[in-house]
Amino acid sequence: MLNAYTDIAVFMTVAILFIMISLLLSRLLRPHHPESGKLATYECGKTPFGDARVRFKIRYYIFALVFLVFDVELLFLYPWAVTLDDLGIVALAEAAVFLALLFGGLLYAWRKKVLEWQ
């Protein structure tokens, strides 16, 4: 049992050493000639104007989160569909409850007008 932990410790040590040596070599071998233009905030040649922080409506973030939630939750249906024959009627009932909850969440988001893009 100690042998398994030794293998993991050696692997982690080699991985950390590899990362550290790679970063050190890249720092030593890279060209480093900073100029005033390169040190500026923007390198596109234009002078920055206004505030860099722009306010977005929270609706865009909520729309993205709702999409992400439904997309990830629907991924759980794929393993269920593949093994449906082995799982039986109980799994079918559980999937129906799961889909009902998803549909309820979709109706809630629709009623709250989260799905409108304006």
N, C-alpha and C. Protein backbone atom coordinates (compact mmCIF):
# COMPACT_ATOMS: atom_id res chain seq x y z
N MET A 1 0.83 -1.19 0.00
CA MET A 1 0.00 0.00 0.00
C MET A 1 0.88 1.25 0.00
N LEU A 2 1.97 1.23 0.69
CA LEU A 2 2.86 2.37 0.71
C LEU A 2 3.46 2.62 -0.66
N ASN A 3 3.62 1.54 -1.43
CA ASN A 3 4.19 1.65 -2.77
C ASN A 3 3.30 2.50 -3.68
N ALA A 4 1.97 2.38 -3.54
CA ALA A 4 1.05 3.17 -4.37
C ALA A 4 1.19 4.65 -4.07
N TYR A 5 1.32 5.00 -2.79
CA TYR A 5 1.49 6.40 -2.42
C TYR A 5 2.85 6.93 -2.84
N THR A 6 3.85 6.08 -2.84
CA THR A 6 5.17 6.49 -3.29
C THR A 6 5.15 6.83 -4.77
N ASP A 7 4.44 6.02 -5.55
CA ASP A 7 4.32 6.30 -6.98
C ASP A 7 3.64 7.65 -7.22
N ILE A 8 2.60 7.92 -6.47
CA ILE A 8 1.89 9.20 -6.62
C ILE A 8 2.79 10.36 -6.21
N ALA A 9 3.54 10.20 -5.12
CA ALA A 9 4.42 11.26 -4.66
C ALA A 9 5.53 11.54 -5.67
N VAL A 10 6.09 10.48 -6.26
CA VAL A 10 7.12 10.66 -7.29
C VAL A 10 6.54 11.36 -8.51
N PHE A 11 5.35 10.95 -8.93
CA PHE A 11 4.71 11.57 -10.09
C PHE A 11 4.44 13.05 -9.84
N MET A 12 3.91 13.38 -8.67
CA MET A 12 3.63 14.78 -8.35
C MET A 12 4.92 15.60 -8.28
N THR A 13 5.97 15.04 -7.71
CA THR A 13 7.25 15.74 -7.63
C THR A 13 7.81 16.02 -9.01
N VAL A 14 7.78 15.02 -9.88
CA VAL A 14 8.28 15.20 -11.24
C VAL A 14 7.43 16.24 -11.98
N ALA A 15 6.12 16.21 -11.79
CA ALA A 15 5.24 17.17 -12.47
C ALA A 15 5.53 18.59 -12.00
N ILE A 16 5.68 18.78 -10.70
CA ILE A 16 5.96 20.12 -10.17
C ILE A 16 7.33 20.61 -10.62
N LEU A 17 8.32 19.73 -10.61
CA LEU A 17 9.66 20.11 -11.09
C LEU A 17 9.64 20.47 -12.57
N PHE A 18 8.89 19.71 -13.37
CA PHE A 18 8.79 20.01 -14.80
C PHE A 18 8.18 21.39 -15.03
N ILE A 19 7.13 21.71 -14.30
CA ILE A 19 6.48 23.02 -14.44
C ILE A 19 7.43 24.13 -14.02
N MET A 20 8.09 23.95 -12.89
CA MET A 20 8.99 24.99 -12.39
C MET A 20 10.18 25.21 -13.34
N ILE A 21 10.76 24.13 -13.84
CA ILE A 21 11.90 24.25 -14.77
C ILE A 21 11.45 24.89 -16.07
N SER A 22 10.27 24.52 -16.57
CA SER A 22 9.76 25.12 -17.81
C SER A 22 9.54 26.62 -17.65
N LEU A 23 8.95 27.04 -16.53
CA LEU A 23 8.73 28.46 -16.31
C LEU A 23 10.05 29.21 -16.15
N LEU A 24 11.00 28.62 -15.46
CA LEU A 24 12.29 29.26 -15.28
C LEU A 24 13.03 29.41 -16.61
N LEU A 25 13.02 28.35 -17.43
CA LEU A 25 13.68 28.43 -18.73
C LEU A 25 13.01 29.45 -19.64
N SER A 26 11.69 29.51 -19.62
CA SER A 26 11.01 30.48 -20.48
C SER A 26 11.31 31.91 -20.03
N ARG A 27 11.46 32.12 -18.73
CA ARG A 27 11.81 33.46 -18.23
C ARG A 27 13.23 33.84 -18.61
N LEU A 28 14.14 32.88 -18.60
CA LEU A 28 15.54 33.18 -18.92
C LEU A 28 15.78 33.35 -20.42
N LEU A 29 15.03 32.62 -21.25
CA LEU A 29 15.30 32.62 -22.68
C LEU A 29 14.45 33.60 -23.50
N ARG A 30 13.44 34.18 -22.92
CA ARG A 30 12.56 35.07 -23.69
C ARG A 30 13.22 36.42 -23.91
N PRO A 31 12.89 37.08 -25.00
CA PRO A 31 13.38 38.45 -25.19
C PRO A 31 12.57 39.40 -24.30
N HIS A 32 13.27 40.33 -23.71
CA HIS A 32 12.60 41.26 -22.79
C HIS A 32 13.12 42.67 -23.07
N HIS A 33 12.41 43.39 -23.92
CA HIS A 33 12.78 44.76 -24.29
C HIS A 33 11.56 45.66 -24.14
N PRO A 34 11.20 46.05 -22.92
CA PRO A 34 10.01 46.88 -22.76
C PRO A 34 10.24 48.29 -23.29
N GLU A 35 9.25 48.79 -24.00
CA GLU A 35 9.25 50.16 -24.50
C GLU A 35 8.03 50.85 -23.92
N SER A 36 7.97 52.14 -24.09
CA SER A 36 6.83 52.87 -23.53
C SER A 36 5.52 52.46 -24.22
N GLY A 37 5.61 52.16 -25.51
CA GLY A 37 4.40 51.72 -26.21
C GLY A 37 3.91 50.37 -25.75
N LYS A 38 4.84 49.47 -25.43
CA LYS A 38 4.45 48.15 -24.96
C LYS A 38 3.95 48.17 -23.53
N LEU A 39 4.41 49.13 -22.78
CA LEU A 39 3.98 49.21 -21.38
C LEU A 39 2.67 49.97 -21.21
N ALA A 40 2.15 50.54 -22.29
CA ALA A 40 0.88 51.27 -22.21
C ALA A 40 -0.26 50.29 -21.99
N THR A 41 -1.40 50.82 -21.56
CA THR A 41 -2.55 49.98 -21.30
C THR A 41 -3.06 49.31 -22.57
N TYR A 42 -3.11 50.07 -23.65
CA TYR A 42 -3.57 49.54 -24.93
C TYR A 42 -2.42 49.62 -25.92
N GLU A 43 -2.23 48.55 -26.68
CA GLU A 43 -1.15 48.53 -27.66
C GLU A 43 -1.66 48.79 -29.08
N CYS A 44 -2.90 49.20 -29.23
CA CYS A 44 -3.45 49.34 -30.57
C CYS A 44 -3.08 50.67 -31.21
N GLY A 45 -2.47 51.57 -30.48
CA GLY A 45 -2.05 52.84 -31.05
C GLY A 45 -3.00 53.98 -30.77
N LYS A 46 -4.15 53.68 -30.21
CA LYS A 46 -5.11 54.74 -29.89
C LYS A 46 -5.04 55.05 -28.41
N THR A 47 -5.29 56.27 -28.09
CA THR A 47 -5.31 56.67 -26.69
C THR A 47 -6.63 56.23 -26.07
N PRO A 48 -6.57 55.60 -24.90
CA PRO A 48 -7.81 55.17 -24.27
C PRO A 48 -8.66 56.36 -23.83
N PHE A 49 -9.97 56.22 -23.98
CA PHE A 49 -10.88 57.28 -23.56
C PHE A 49 -12.04 56.64 -22.80
N GLY A 50 -12.58 57.37 -21.88
CA GLY A 50 -13.72 56.87 -21.12
C GLY A 50 -13.32 55.81 -20.11
N ASP A 51 -14.33 55.22 -19.50
CA ASP A 51 -14.10 54.20 -18.49
C ASP A 51 -14.05 52.83 -19.16
N ALA A 52 -13.16 51.99 -18.72
CA ALA A 52 -13.03 50.66 -19.32
C ALA A 52 -14.15 49.74 -18.86
N ARG A 53 -14.77 50.05 -17.73
CA ARG A 53 -15.85 49.22 -17.22
C ARG A 53 -17.17 49.67 -17.83
N VAL A 54 -17.81 48.76 -18.54
CA VAL A 54 -19.09 49.03 -19.17
C VAL A 54 -20.15 48.24 -18.42
N ARG A 55 -21.26 48.86 -18.14
CA ARG A 55 -22.33 48.18 -17.42
C ARG A 55 -23.19 47.39 -18.40
N PHE A 56 -23.40 46.14 -18.08
CA PHE A 56 -24.30 45.28 -18.85
C PHE A 56 -25.53 45.01 -18.02
N LYS A 57 -26.62 44.72 -18.69
CA LYS A 57 -27.83 44.35 -17.98
C LYS A 57 -27.63 42.97 -17.37
N ILE A 58 -28.17 42.76 -16.20
CA ILE A 58 -28.04 41.47 -15.52
C ILE A 58 -28.81 40.39 -16.26
N ARG A 59 -29.75 40.79 -17.10
CA ARG A 59 -30.57 39.84 -17.84
C ARG A 59 -29.71 38.94 -18.73
N TYR A 60 -28.64 39.45 -19.30
CA TYR A 60 -27.78 38.64 -20.16
C TYR A 60 -27.12 37.52 -19.35
N TYR A 61 -26.69 37.85 -18.14
CA TYR A 61 -26.05 36.84 -17.31
C TYR A 61 -27.06 35.79 -16.85
N ILE A 62 -28.25 36.24 -16.50
CA ILE A 62 -29.29 35.30 -16.07
C ILE A 62 -29.68 34.39 -17.23
N PHE A 63 -29.77 34.95 -18.43
CA PHE A 63 -30.09 34.14 -19.61
C PHE A 63 -29.02 33.07 -19.81
N ALA A 64 -27.76 33.45 -19.68
CA ALA A 64 -26.67 32.49 -19.86
C ALA A 64 -26.70 31.43 -18.76
N LEU A 65 -26.99 31.83 -17.53
CA LEU A 65 -27.04 30.85 -16.45
C LEU A 65 -28.20 29.88 -16.62
N VAL A 66 -29.34 30.37 -17.07
CA VAL A 66 -30.48 29.48 -17.30
C VAL A 66 -30.15 28.49 -18.41
N PHE A 67 -29.52 28.97 -19.47
CA PHE A 67 -29.11 28.06 -20.55
C PHE A 67 -28.14 27.01 -20.03
N LEU A 68 -27.17 27.45 -19.24
CA LEU A 68 -26.17 26.52 -18.72
C LEU A 68 -26.80 25.48 -17.81
N VAL A 69 -27.71 25.89 -16.95
CA VAL A 69 -28.36 24.95 -16.05
C VAL A 69 -29.13 23.90 -16.84
N PHE A 70 -29.92 24.31 -17.81
CA PHE A 70 -30.71 23.34 -18.57
C PHE A 70 -29.83 22.48 -19.45
N ASP A 71 -28.77 23.03 -19.97
CA ASP A 71 -27.87 22.26 -20.82
C ASP A 71 -27.17 21.18 -20.01
N VAL A 72 -26.67 21.52 -18.85
CA VAL A 72 -25.98 20.54 -18.01
C VAL A 72 -26.95 19.51 -17.46
N GLU A 73 -28.12 19.95 -17.07
CA GLU A 73 -29.09 19.00 -16.52
C GLU A 73 -29.56 18.02 -17.59
N LEU A 74 -29.68 18.48 -18.80
CA LEU A 74 -30.09 17.55 -19.86
C LEU A 74 -28.99 16.56 -20.21
N LEU A 75 -27.76 16.88 -19.87
CA LEU A 75 -26.69 15.91 -20.07
C LEU A 75 -26.85 14.69 -19.18
N PHE A 76 -27.54 14.86 -18.06
CA PHE A 76 -27.78 13.72 -17.18
C PHE A 76 -28.75 12.72 -17.79
N LEU A 77 -29.49 13.13 -18.79
CA LEU A 77 -30.44 12.21 -19.41
C LEU A 77 -29.77 11.21 -20.35
N TYR A 78 -28.60 11.52 -20.85
CA TYR A 78 -27.95 10.60 -21.80
C TYR A 78 -27.58 9.26 -21.15
N PRO A 79 -26.90 9.24 -19.99
CA PRO A 79 -26.61 7.94 -19.38
C PRO A 79 -27.88 7.18 -19.01
N TRP A 80 -28.91 7.91 -18.62
CA TRP A 80 -30.17 7.25 -18.30
C TRP A 80 -30.76 6.60 -19.55
N ALA A 81 -30.71 7.29 -20.68
CA ALA A 81 -31.27 6.74 -21.91
C ALA A 81 -30.49 5.53 -22.40
N VAL A 82 -29.19 5.53 -22.19
CA VAL A 82 -28.37 4.40 -22.64
C VAL A 82 -28.67 3.15 -21.81
N THR A 83 -28.89 3.30 -20.52
CA THR A 83 -29.10 2.14 -19.65
C THR A 83 -30.56 1.95 -19.26
N LEU A 84 -31.48 2.43 -20.03
CA LEU A 84 -32.90 2.35 -19.68
C LEU A 84 -33.38 0.91 -19.60
N ASP A 85 -32.91 0.05 -20.50
CA ASP A 85 -33.35 -1.35 -20.48
C ASP A 85 -32.95 -2.05 -19.19
N ASP A 86 -31.77 -1.73 -18.67
CA ASP A 86 -31.30 -2.39 -17.45
C ASP A 86 -31.94 -1.82 -16.19
N LEU A 87 -32.38 -0.58 -16.22
CA LEU A 87 -32.86 0.08 -15.01
C LEU A 87 -34.31 -0.23 -14.69
N GLY A 88 -35.14 -0.37 -15.68
CA GLY A 88 -36.53 -0.75 -15.44
C GLY A 88 -37.46 0.44 -15.28
N ILE A 89 -38.66 0.13 -14.74
CA ILE A 89 -39.74 1.11 -14.66
C ILE A 89 -39.47 2.17 -13.58
N VAL A 90 -38.69 1.83 -12.55
CA VAL A 90 -38.40 2.79 -11.49
C VAL A 90 -37.57 3.94 -12.05
N ALA A 91 -36.62 3.62 -12.90
CA ALA A 91 -35.79 4.66 -13.51
C ALA A 91 -36.62 5.53 -14.44
N LEU A 92 -37.59 4.93 -15.10
CA LEU A 92 -38.48 5.71 -15.97
C LEU A 92 -39.28 6.71 -15.15
N ALA A 93 -39.76 6.29 -14.00
CA ALA A 93 -40.52 7.20 -13.13
C ALA A 93 -39.61 8.31 -12.59
N GLU A 94 -38.38 7.97 -12.22
CA GLU A 94 -37.45 8.98 -11.73
C GLU A 94 -37.11 9.98 -12.82
N ALA A 95 -36.94 9.50 -14.05
CA ALA A 95 -36.65 10.41 -15.16
C ALA A 95 -37.85 11.30 -15.45
N ALA A 96 -39.04 10.77 -15.29
CA ALA A 96 -40.24 11.59 -15.51
C ALA A 96 -40.31 12.71 -14.46
N VAL A 97 -39.98 12.40 -13.21
CA VAL A 97 -39.95 13.43 -12.16
C VAL A 97 -38.87 14.47 -12.48
N PHE A 98 -37.71 13.99 -12.92
CA PHE A 98 -36.61 14.89 -13.27
C PHE A 98 -37.02 15.83 -14.40
N LEU A 99 -37.65 15.28 -15.44
CA LEU A 99 -38.10 16.11 -16.57
C LEU A 99 -39.22 17.07 -16.15
N ALA A 100 -40.06 16.64 -15.23
CA ALA A 100 -41.12 17.53 -14.74
C ALA A 100 -40.52 18.71 -13.98
N LEU A 101 -39.48 18.45 -13.19
CA LEU A 101 -38.81 19.55 -12.49
C LEU A 101 -38.13 20.50 -13.47
N LEU A 102 -37.50 19.95 -14.49
CA LEU A 102 -36.88 20.80 -15.52
C LEU A 102 -37.93 21.65 -16.24
N PHE A 103 -39.04 21.03 -16.57
CA PHE A 103 -40.10 21.76 -17.26
C PHE A 103 -40.70 22.82 -16.35
N GLY A 104 -40.83 22.51 -15.07
CA GLY A 104 -41.32 23.51 -14.11
C GLY A 104 -40.37 24.70 -14.01
N GLY A 105 -39.08 24.43 -14.00
CA GLY A 105 -38.10 25.52 -13.98
C GLY A 105 -38.15 26.35 -15.24
N LEU A 106 -38.37 25.69 -16.37
CA LEU A 106 -38.49 26.43 -17.63
C LEU A 106 -39.73 27.31 -17.64
N LEU A 107 -40.84 26.79 -17.14
CA LEU A 107 -42.07 27.60 -17.06
C LEU A 107 -41.88 28.79 -16.11
N TYR A 108 -41.19 28.55 -14.99
CA TYR A 108 -40.93 29.64 -14.05
C TYR A 108 -40.08 30.73 -14.70
N ALA A 109 -39.03 30.32 -15.41
CA ALA A 109 -38.17 31.30 -16.09
C ALA A 109 -38.95 32.03 -17.18
N TRP A 110 -39.85 31.33 -17.84
CA TRP A 110 -40.64 31.96 -18.90
C TRP A 110 -41.61 32.98 -18.31
N ARG A 111 -42.25 32.64 -17.19
CA ARG A 111 -43.20 33.57 -16.56
C ARG A 111 -42.50 34.79 -15.99
N LYS A 112 -41.28 34.63 -15.51
CA LYS A 112 -40.51 35.76 -14.99
C LYS A 112 -39.87 36.58 -16.11
N LYS A 113 -40.10 36.17 -17.35
CA LYS A 113 -39.59 36.84 -18.56
C LYS A 113 -38.07 36.91 -18.58
N VAL A 114 -37.45 35.83 -18.08
CA VAL A 114 -36.00 35.74 -18.12
C VAL A 114 -35.53 35.39 -19.53
N LEU A 115 -36.35 34.73 -20.28
CA LEU A 115 -35.96 34.25 -21.61
C LEU A 115 -36.11 35.31 -22.70
N GLU A 116 -36.58 36.49 -22.35
CA GLU A 116 -36.67 37.56 -23.35
C GLU A 116 -35.32 38.26 -23.45
N TRP A 117 -34.92 38.55 -24.64
CA TRP A 117 -33.57 39.09 -24.91
C TRP A 117 -33.63 40.59 -25.15
N GLN A 118 -34.24 41.34 -24.29
CA GLN A 118 -34.30 42.79 -24.48
C GLN A 118 -34.07 43.52 -23.21
